[in-house]
PDB file of N, CA and C in Angstrom:
ATOM      1  N   MET A   1      -0.791  27.077 -11.385  1.00  0.00           N
ATOM      2  CA  MET A   1       0.389  26.483 -10.815  1.00  0.00           C
ATOM      3  C   MET A   1       1.576  26.790 -11.720  1.00  0.00           C
ATOM      4  N   THR A   2       2.660  27.175 -11.120  1.00  0.00           N
ATOM      5  CA  THR A   2       3.828  27.530 -11.908  1.00  0.00           C
ATOM      6  C   THR A   2       4.613  26.286 -12.293  1.00  0.00           C
ATOM      7  N   THR A   3       5.352  26.409 -13.358  1.00  0.00           N
ATOM      8  CA  THR A   3       6.187  25.286 -13.778  1.00  0.00           C
ATOM      9  C   THR A   3       7.532  25.363 -13.078  1.00  0.00           C
ATOM     10  N   MET A   4       8.075  24.194 -12.750  1.00  0.00           N
ATOM     11  CA  MET A   4       9.374  24.149 -12.090  1.00  0.00           C
ATOM     12  C   MET A   4      10.459  24.034 -13.147  1.00  0.00           C
ATOM     13  N   THR A   5      11.210  25.097 -13.332  1.00  0.00           N
ATOM     14  CA  THR A   5      12.254  25.057 -14.340  1.00  0.00           C
ATOM     15  C   THR A   5      13.643  25.178 -13.740  1.00  0.00           C
ATOM     16  N   THR A   6      13.750  25.630 -12.524  1.00  0.00           N
ATOM     17  CA  THR A   6      15.066  25.808 -11.928  1.00  0.00           C
ATOM     18  C   THR A   6      15.371  24.678 -10.963  1.00  0.00           C
ATOM     19  N   VAL A   7      16.641  24.517 -10.701  1.00  0.00           N
ATOM     20  CA  VAL A   7      17.093  23.480  -9.777  1.00  0.00           C
ATOM     21  C   VAL A   7      16.616  23.787  -8.363  1.00  0.00           C
ATOM     22  N   THR A   8      16.568  25.053  -8.007  1.00  0.00           N
ATOM     23  CA  THR A   8      16.122  25.414  -6.654  1.00  0.00           C
ATOM     24  C   THR A   8      14.647  25.097  -6.456  1.00  0.00           C
ATOM     25  N   ALA A   9      13.851  25.256  -7.501  1.00  0.00           N
ATOM     26  CA  ALA A   9      12.431  24.928  -7.376  1.00  0.00           C
ATOM     27  C   ALA A   9      12.241  23.426  -7.208  1.00  0.00           C
ATOM     28  N   VAL A  10      13.021  22.641  -7.940  1.00  0.00           N
ATOM     29  CA  VAL A  10      12.939  21.183  -7.812  1.00  0.00           C
ATOM     30  C   VAL A  10      13.418  20.752  -6.432  1.00  0.00           C
ATOM     31  N   ALA A  11      14.516  21.339  -5.956  1.00  0.00           N
ATOM     32  CA  ALA A  11      15.030  21.008  -4.625  1.00  0.00           C
ATOM     33  C   ALA A  11      14.024  21.383  -3.544  1.00  0.00           C
ATOM     34  N   SER A  12      13.361  22.498  -3.710  1.00  0.00           N
ATOM     35  CA  SER A  12      12.340  22.910  -2.747  1.00  0.00           C
ATOM     36  C   SER A  12      11.169  21.935  -2.734  1.00  0.00           C
ATOM     37  N   MET A  13      10.759  21.479  -3.909  1.00  0.00           N
ATOM     38  CA  MET A  13       9.662  20.515  -3.987  1.00  0.00           C
ATOM     39  C   MET A  13      10.062  19.190  -3.346  1.00  0.00           C
ATOM     40  N   ILE A  14      11.293  18.755  -3.561  1.00  0.00           N
ATOM     41  CA  ILE A  14      11.763  17.509  -2.949  1.00  0.00           C
ATOM     42  C   ILE A  14      11.801  17.637  -1.437  1.00  0.00           C
ATOM     43  N   ARG A  15      12.252  18.792  -0.939  1.00  0.00           N
ATOM     44  CA  ARG A  15      12.257  19.014   0.518  1.00  0.00           C
ATOM     45  C   ARG A  15      10.849  18.953   1.091  1.00  0.00           C
ATOM     46  N   HIS A  16       9.897  19.544   0.385  1.00  0.00           N
ATOM     47  CA  HIS A  16       8.516  19.510   0.858  1.00  0.00           C
ATOM     48  C   HIS A  16       7.971  18.080   0.878  1.00  0.00           C
ATOM     49  N   LEU A  17       8.300  17.297  -0.149  1.00  0.00           N
ATOM     50  CA  LEU A  17       7.839  15.909  -0.194  1.00  0.00           C
ATOM     51  C   LEU A  17       8.468  15.070   0.912  1.00  0.00           C
ATOM     52  N   ILE A  18       9.751  15.293   1.192  1.00  0.00           N
ATOM     53  CA  ILE A  18      10.409  14.570   2.283  1.00  0.00           C
ATOM     54  C   ILE A  18       9.798  14.961   3.618  1.00  0.00           C
ATOM     55  N   LEU A  19       9.501  16.241   3.799  1.00  0.00           N
ATOM     56  CA  LEU A  19       8.856  16.697   5.033  1.00  0.00           C
ATOM     57  C   LEU A  19       7.478  16.066   5.191  1.00  0.00           C
ATOM     58  N   LEU A  20       6.709  16.017   4.123  1.00  0.00           N
ATOM     59  CA  LEU A  20       5.387  15.403   4.182  1.00  0.00           C
ATOM     60  C   LEU A  20       5.483  13.916   4.503  1.00  0.00           C
ATOM     61  N   GLY A  21       6.418  13.217   3.876  1.00  0.00           N
ATOM     62  CA  GLY A  21       6.611  11.793   4.154  1.00  0.00           C
ATOM     63  C   GLY A  21       7.035  11.537   5.585  1.00  0.00           C
ATOM     64  N   SER A  22       7.915  12.386   6.119  1.00  0.00           N
ATOM     65  CA  SER A  22       8.339  12.195   7.507  1.00  0.00           C
ATOM     66  C   SER A  22       7.198  12.479   8.475  1.00  0.00           C
ATOM     67  N   LEU A  23       6.363  13.462   8.173  1.00  0.00           N
ATOM     68  CA  LEU A  23       5.192  13.709   9.019  1.00  0.00           C
ATOM     69  C   LEU A  23       4.232  12.526   8.996  1.00  0.00           C
ATOM     70  N   GLU A  24       4.054  11.934   7.826  1.00  0.00           N
ATOM     71  CA  GLU A  24       3.194  10.748   7.721  1.00  0.00           C
ATOM     72  C   GLU A  24       3.740   9.605   8.575  1.00  0.00           C
ATOM     73  N   LEU A  25       5.053   9.391   8.539  1.00  0.00           N
ATOM     74  CA  LEU A  25       5.655   8.326   9.343  1.00  0.00           C
ATOM     75  C   LEU A  25       5.546   8.610  10.838  1.00  0.00           C
ATOM     76  N   ILE A  26       5.701   9.868  11.229  1.00  0.00           N
ATOM     77  CA  ILE A  26       5.561  10.230  12.644  1.00  0.00           C
ATOM     78  C   ILE A  26       4.139   9.966  13.117  1.00  0.00           C
ATOM     79  N   PHE A  27       3.151  10.374  12.335  1.00  0.00           N
ATOM     80  CA  PHE A  27       1.764  10.139  12.732  1.00  0.00           C
ATOM     81  C   PHE A  27       1.417   8.653  12.731  1.00  0.00           C
ATOM     82  N   LEU A  28       1.987   7.876  11.810  1.00  0.00           N
ATOM     83  CA  LEU A  28       1.773   6.434  11.828  1.00  0.00           C
ATOM     84  C   LEU A  28       2.323   5.832  13.113  1.00  0.00           C
ATOM     85  N   ALA A  29       3.518   6.254  13.514  1.00  0.00           N
ATOM     86  CA  ALA A  29       4.104   5.752  14.763  1.00  0.00           C
ATOM     87  C   ALA A  29       3.255   6.152  15.966  1.00  0.00           C
ATOM     88  N   LEU A  30       2.735   7.377  15.960  1.00  0.00           N
ATOM     89  CA  LEU A  30       1.870   7.817  17.065  1.00  0.00           C
ATOM     90  C   LEU A  30       0.582   7.003  17.122  1.00  0.00           C
ATOM     91  N   TYR A  31      -0.016   6.756  15.971  1.00  0.00           N
ATOM     92  CA  TYR A  31      -1.238   5.954  15.937  1.00  0.00           C
ATOM     93  C   TYR A  31      -0.983   4.529  16.405  1.00  0.00           C
ATOM     94  N   LEU A  32       0.144   3.954  15.992  1.00  0.00           N
ATOM     95  CA  LEU A  32       0.468   2.593  16.425  1.00  0.00           C
ATOM     96  C   LEU A  32       0.694   2.535  17.931  1.00  0.00           C
ATOM     97  N   MET A  33       1.359   3.545  18.488  1.00  0.00           N
ATOM     98  CA  MET A  33       1.551   3.586  19.944  1.00  0.00           C
ATOM     99  C   MET A  33       0.223   3.773  20.664  1.00  0.00           C
ATOM    100  N   LEU A  34      -0.646   4.606  20.123  1.00  0.00           N
ATOM    101  CA  LEU A  34      -1.954   4.836  20.730  1.00  0.00           C
ATOM    102  C   LEU A  34      -2.790   3.563  20.729  1.00  0.00           C
ATOM    103  N   ILE A  35      -2.794   2.843  19.630  1.00  0.00           N
ATOM    104  CA  ILE A  35      -3.534   1.579  19.552  1.00  0.00           C
ATOM    105  C   ILE A  35      -2.966   0.571  20.529  1.00  0.00           C
ATOM    106  N   SER A  36      -1.648   0.526  20.622  1.00  0.00           N
ATOM    107  CA  SER A  36      -1.010  -0.430  21.525  1.00  0.00           C
ATOM    108  C   SER A  36      -1.310  -0.107  22.987  1.00  0.00           C
ATOM    109  N   CYS A  37      -1.243   1.158  23.355  1.00  0.00           N
ATOM    110  CA  CYS A  37      -1.470   1.541  24.762  1.00  0.00           C
ATOM    111  C   CYS A  37      -2.942   1.460  25.150  1.00  0.00           C
ATOM    112  N   ARG A  38      -3.821   1.949  24.304  1.00  0.00           N
ATOM    113  CA  ARG A  38      -5.241   2.011  24.657  1.00  0.00           C
ATOM    114  C   ARG A  38      -5.948   0.669  24.522  1.00  0.00           C
ATOM    115  N   LEU A  39      -5.649  -0.063  23.466  1.00  0.00           N
ATOM    116  CA  LEU A  39      -6.386  -1.292  23.186  1.00  0.00           C
ATOM    117  C   LEU A  39      -5.617  -2.548  23.544  1.00  0.00           C
ATOM    118  N   GLY A  40      -4.321  -2.440  23.679  1.00  0.00           N
ATOM    119  CA  GLY A  40      -3.517  -3.596  24.040  1.00  0.00           C
ATOM    120  C   GLY A  40      -3.291  -4.581  22.909  1.00  0.00           C
ATOM    121  N   VAL A  41      -3.469  -4.144  21.677  1.00  0.00           N
ATOM    122  CA  VAL A  41      -3.212  -5.007  20.524  1.00  0.00           C
ATOM    123  C   VAL A  41      -2.127  -4.365  19.671  1.00  0.00           C
ATOM    124  N   SER A  42      -1.492  -5.172  18.862  1.00  0.00           N
ATOM    125  CA  SER A  42      -0.435  -4.669  17.989  1.00  0.00           C
ATOM    126  C   SER A  42      -1.050  -4.027  16.748  1.00  0.00           C
ATOM    127  N   GLY A  43      -0.746  -2.762  16.551  1.00  0.00           N
ATOM    128  CA  GLY A  43      -1.248  -2.062  15.377  1.00  0.00           C
ATOM    129  C   GLY A  43      -0.635  -2.571  14.096  1.00  0.00           C
ATOM    130  N   VAL A  44       0.618  -3.015  14.171  1.00  0.00           N
ATOM    131  CA  VAL A  44       1.285  -3.552  12.979  1.00  0.00           C
ATOM    132  C   VAL A  44       0.617  -4.850  12.546  1.00  0.00           C
ATOM    133  N   ARG A  45       0.255  -5.687  13.522  1.00  0.00           N
ATOM    134  CA  ARG A  45      -0.435  -6.938  13.177  1.00  0.00           C
ATOM    135  C   ARG A  45      -1.826  -6.660  12.607  1.00  0.00           C
ATOM    136  N   GLN A  46      -2.509  -5.660  13.150  1.00  0.00           N
ATOM    137  CA  GLN A  46      -3.814  -5.291  12.614  1.00  0.00           C
ATOM    138  C   GLN A  46      -3.688  -4.800  11.172  1.00  0.00           C
ATOM    139  N   LEU A  47      -2.676  -3.976  10.917  1.00  0.00           N
ATOM    140  CA  LEU A  47      -2.443  -3.484   9.565  1.00  0.00           C
ATOM    141  C   LEU A  47      -2.098  -4.628   8.619  1.00  0.00           C
ATOM    142  N   ALA A  48      -1.266  -5.548   9.083  1.00  0.00           N
ATOM    143  CA  ALA A  48      -0.906  -6.703   8.256  1.00  0.00           C
ATOM    144  C   ALA A  48      -2.127  -7.563   7.956  1.00  0.00           C
ATOM    145  N   PHE A  49      -3.010  -7.732   8.941  1.00  0.00           N
ATOM    146  CA  PHE A  49      -4.222  -8.521   8.721  1.00  0.00           C
ATOM    147  C   PHE A  49      -5.115  -7.873   7.669  1.00  0.00           C
ATOM    148  N   VAL A  50      -5.302  -6.567   7.776  1.00  0.00           N
ATOM    149  CA  VAL A  50      -6.161  -5.870   6.817  1.00  0.00           C
ATOM    150  C   VAL A  50      -5.556  -5.928   5.417  1.00  0.00           C
ATOM    151  N   LEU A  51      -4.250  -5.697   5.319  1.00  0.00           N
ATOM    152  CA  LEU A  51      -3.613  -5.745   4.003  1.00  0.00           C
ATOM    153  C   LEU A  51      -3.662  -7.144   3.406  1.00  0.00           C
ATOM    154  N   TRP A  52      -3.520  -8.178   4.244  1.00  0.00           N
ATOM    155  CA  TRP A  52      -3.567  -9.550   3.738  1.00  0.00           C
ATOM    156  C   TRP A  52      -4.988  -9.926   3.326  1.00  0.00           C
ATOM    157  N   SER A  53      -5.977  -9.529   4.116  1.00  0.00           N
ATOM    158  CA  SER A  53      -7.353  -9.921   3.797  1.00  0.00           C
ATOM    159  C   SER A  53      -7.908  -9.144   2.600  1.00  0.00           C
ATOM    160  N   GLN A  54      -7.370  -7.963   2.324  1.00  0.00           N
ATOM    161  CA  GLN A  54      -7.849  -7.148   1.205  1.00  0.00           C
ATOM    162  C   GLN A  54      -6.853  -7.120   0.046  1.00  0.00           C
ATOM    163  N   ARG A  55      -5.978  -8.122  -0.034  1.00  0.00           N
ATOM    164  CA  ARG A  55      -4.899  -8.093  -1.022  1.00  0.00           C
ATOM    165  C   ARG A  55      -5.414  -8.123  -2.458  1.00  0.00           C
ATOM    166  N   ILE A  56      -6.487  -8.853  -2.727  1.00  0.00           N
ATOM    167  CA  ILE A  56      -7.014  -8.917  -4.099  1.00  0.00           C
ATOM    168  C   ILE A  56      -7.545  -7.548  -4.519  1.00  0.00           C
ATOM    169  N   LEU A  57      -8.259  -6.887  -3.621  1.00  0.00           N
ATOM    170  CA  LEU A  57      -8.782  -5.556  -3.914  1.00  0.00           C
ATOM    171  C   LEU A  57      -7.646  -4.560  -4.132  1.00  0.00           C
ATOM    172  N   LEU A  58      -6.626  -4.605  -3.286  1.00  0.00           N
ATOM    173  CA  LEU A  58      -5.495  -3.696  -3.429  1.00  0.00           C
ATOM    174  C   LEU A  58      -4.737  -3.941  -4.728  1.00  0.00           C
ATOM    175  N   GLN A  59      -4.506  -5.204  -5.050  1.00  0.00           N
ATOM    176  CA  GLN A  59      -3.793  -5.518  -6.286  1.00  0.00           C
ATOM    177  C   GLN A  59      -4.581  -5.068  -7.509  1.00  0.00           C
ATOM    178  N   SER A  60      -5.891  -5.259  -7.479  1.00  0.00           N
ATOM    179  CA  SER A  60      -6.695  -4.840  -8.629  1.00  0.00           C
ATOM    180  C   SER A  60      -6.712  -3.321  -8.763  1.00  0.00           C
ATOM    181  N   LYS A  61      -6.740  -2.607  -7.631  1.00  0.00           N
ATOM    182  CA  LYS A  61      -6.705  -1.143  -7.708  1.00  0.00           C
ATOM    183  C   LYS A  61      -5.369  -0.647  -8.243  1.00  0.00           C
ATOM    184  N   PHE A  62      -4.258  -1.237  -7.787  1.00  0.00           N
ATOM    185  CA  PHE A  62      -2.950  -0.832  -8.293  1.00  0.00           C
ATOM    186  C   PHE A  62      -2.804  -1.157  -9.776  1.00  0.00           C
ATOM    187  N   LEU A  63      -3.291  -2.301 -10.198  1.00  0.00           N
ATOM    188  CA  LEU A  63      -3.214  -2.675 -11.609  1.00  0.00           C
ATOM    189  C   LEU A  63      -4.069  -1.744 -12.462  1.00  0.00           C
ATOM    190  N   THR A  64      -5.277  -1.437 -11.999  1.00  0.00           N
ATOM    191  CA  THR A  64      -6.156  -0.531 -12.734  1.00  0.00           C
ATOM    192  C   THR A  64      -5.539   0.854 -12.843  1.00  0.00           C
ATOM    193  N   LEU A  65      -4.983   1.346 -11.748  1.00  0.00           N
ATOM    194  CA  LEU A  65      -4.345   2.660 -11.771  1.00  0.00           C
ATOM    195  C   LEU A  65      -3.157   2.679 -12.725  1.00  0.00           C
ATOM    196  N   THR A  66      -2.358   1.623 -12.703  1.00  0.00           N
ATOM    197  CA  THR A  66      -1.204   1.540 -13.599  1.00  0.00           C
ATOM    198  C   THR A  66      -1.641   1.522 -15.054  1.00  0.00           C
ATOM    199  N   LEU A  67      -2.656   0.739 -15.378  1.00  0.00           N
ATOM    200  CA  LEU A  67      -3.127   0.679 -16.760  1.00  0.00           C
ATOM    201  C   LEU A  67      -3.738   2.001 -17.206  1.00  0.00           C
ATOM    202  N   MET A  68      -4.418   2.686 -16.300  1.00  0.00           N
ATOM    203  CA  MET A  68      -4.985   3.988 -16.655  1.00  0.00           C
ATOM    204  C   MET A  68      -3.881   5.004 -16.924  1.00  0.00           C
ATOM    205  N   ILE A  69      -2.851   5.014 -16.073  1.00  0.00           N
ATOM    206  CA  ILE A  69      -1.763   5.973 -16.258  1.00  0.00           C
ATOM    207  C   ILE A  69      -0.990   5.675 -17.539  1.00  0.00           C
ATOM    208  N   LEU A  70      -0.741   4.392 -17.819  1.00  0.00           N
ATOM    209  CA  LEU A  70       0.002   4.040 -19.028  1.00  0.00           C
ATOM    210  C   LEU A  70      -0.807   4.294 -20.297  1.00  0.00           C
ATOM    211  N   GLY A  71      -2.111   4.422 -20.174  1.00  0.00           N
ATOM    212  CA  GLY A  71      -2.948   4.672 -21.337  1.00  0.00           C
ATOM    213  C   GLY A  71      -2.867   6.090 -21.853  1.00  0.00           C
ATOM    214  N   PHE A  72      -2.425   7.026 -21.022  1.00  0.00           N
ATOM    215  CA  PHE A  72      -2.317   8.412 -21.459  1.00  0.00           C
ATOM    216  C   PHE A  72      -1.015   8.605 -22.230  1.00  0.00           C
ATOM    217  N   PRO A  73      -1.077   9.305 -23.347  1.00  0.00           N
ATOM    218  CA  PRO A  73       0.154   9.513 -24.121  1.00  0.00           C
ATOM    219  C   PRO A  73       1.080  10.503 -23.418  1.00  0.00           C
ATOM    220  N   LEU A  74       2.360  10.279 -23.580  1.00  0.00           N
ATOM    221  CA  LEU A  74       3.365  11.174 -23.032  1.00  0.00           C
ATOM    222  C   LEU A  74       3.762  12.147 -24.125  1.00  0.00           C
ATOM    223  N   GLU A  75       3.508  13.412 -23.886  1.00  0.00           N
ATOM    224  CA  GLU A  75       3.834  14.425 -24.884  1.00  0.00           C
ATOM    225  C   GLU A  75       5.202  15.002 -24.579  1.00  0.00           C
ATOM    226  N   HIS A  76       6.008  15.100 -25.611  1.00  0.00           N
ATOM    227  CA  HIS A  76       7.336  15.666 -25.461  1.00  0.00           C
ATOM    228  C   HIS A  76       7.462  16.778 -26.482  1.00  0.00           C
ATOM    229  N   TYR A  77       7.927  17.915 -26.038  1.00  0.00           N
ATOM    230  CA  TYR A  77       7.961  19.076 -26.913  1.00  0.00           C
ATOM    231  C   TYR A  77       9.317  19.298 -27.570  1.00  0.00           C
ATOM    232  N   GLY A  78      10.222  18.334 -27.479  1.00  0.00           N
ATOM    233  CA  GLY A  78      11.459  18.406 -28.228  1.00  0.00           C
ATOM    234  C   GLY A  78      12.524  19.308 -27.650  1.00  0.00           C
ATOM    235  N   ASN A  79      12.537  19.512 -26.356  1.00  0.00           N
ATOM    236  CA  ASN A  79      13.575  20.357 -25.792  1.00  0.00           C
ATOM    237  C   ASN A  79      14.625  19.540 -25.046  1.00  0.00           C
ATOM    238  N   GLY A  80      14.763  18.288 -25.392  1.00  0.00           N
ATOM    239  CA  GLY A  80      15.769  17.439 -24.771  1.00  0.00           C
ATOM    240  C   GLY A  80      17.028  17.365 -25.613  1.00  0.00           C
ATOM    241  N   ILE A  81      18.070  16.787 -25.060  1.00  0.00           N
ATOM    242  CA  ILE A  81      19.358  16.715 -25.757  1.00  0.00           C
ATOM    243  C   ILE A  81      19.310  15.743 -26.933  1.00  0.00           C
ATOM    244  N   ILE A  82      18.474  14.722 -26.870  1.00  0.00           N
ATOM    245  CA  ILE A  82      18.397  13.750 -27.967  1.00  0.00           C
ATOM    246  C   ILE A  82      17.881  14.418 -29.239  1.00  0.00           C
ATOM    247  N   PHE A  83      16.908  15.303 -29.108  1.00  0.00           N
ATOM    248  CA  PHE A  83      16.386  15.981 -30.288  1.00  0.00           C
ATOM    249  C   PHE A  83      17.414  16.938 -30.874  1.00  0.00           C
ATOM    250  N   ARG A  84      18.236  17.548 -30.031  1.00  0.00           N
ATOM    251  CA  ARG A  84      19.281  18.442 -30.522  1.00  0.00           C
ATOM    252  C   ARG A  84      20.382  17.662 -31.239  1.00  0.00           C
ATOM    253  N   LEU A  85      20.684  16.456 -30.762  1.00  0.00           N
ATOM    254  CA  LEU A  85      21.715  15.648 -31.410  1.00  0.00           C
ATOM    255  C   LEU A  85      21.265  15.163 -32.779  1.00  0.00           C
ATOM    256  N   ARG A  86      20.006  14.799 -32.908  1.00  0.00           N
ATOM    257  CA  ARG A  86      19.501  14.285 -34.188  1.00  0.00           C
ATOM    258  C   ARG A  86      19.378  15.385 -35.237  1.00  0.00           C
ATOM    259  N   SER A  87      19.056  16.590 -34.812  1.00  0.00           N
ATOM    260  CA  SER A  87      18.844  17.660 -35.784  1.00  0.00           C
ATOM    261  C   SER A  87      20.156  18.286 -36.256  1.00  0.00           C
ATOM    262  N   GLY A  88      21.215  18.164 -35.463  1.00  0.00           N
ATOM    263  CA  GLY A  88      22.451  18.855 -35.843  1.00  0.00           C
ATOM    264  C   GLY A  88      23.543  17.987 -36.127  1.00  0.00           C
TER     265      GLY A  88
END
């Protein structure tokens, strides 16, 4: 995988992420409409019920993931402006 060093590469990655997020939202809306038309129940209420009933599991997974990510050290190779200001 190549490293993103230019502004155009970062902008391209952001565009791809926005496109992916919008596709996810479109498919969510389609699934909710399908559930509503075929089954006659509200998909949003079903989602809210599942999220409410599994809230302890979700919170523990988010907390575990956060603690795991924060446990890894952040390596900085000194190419920022703060390091240039301190050295000169």
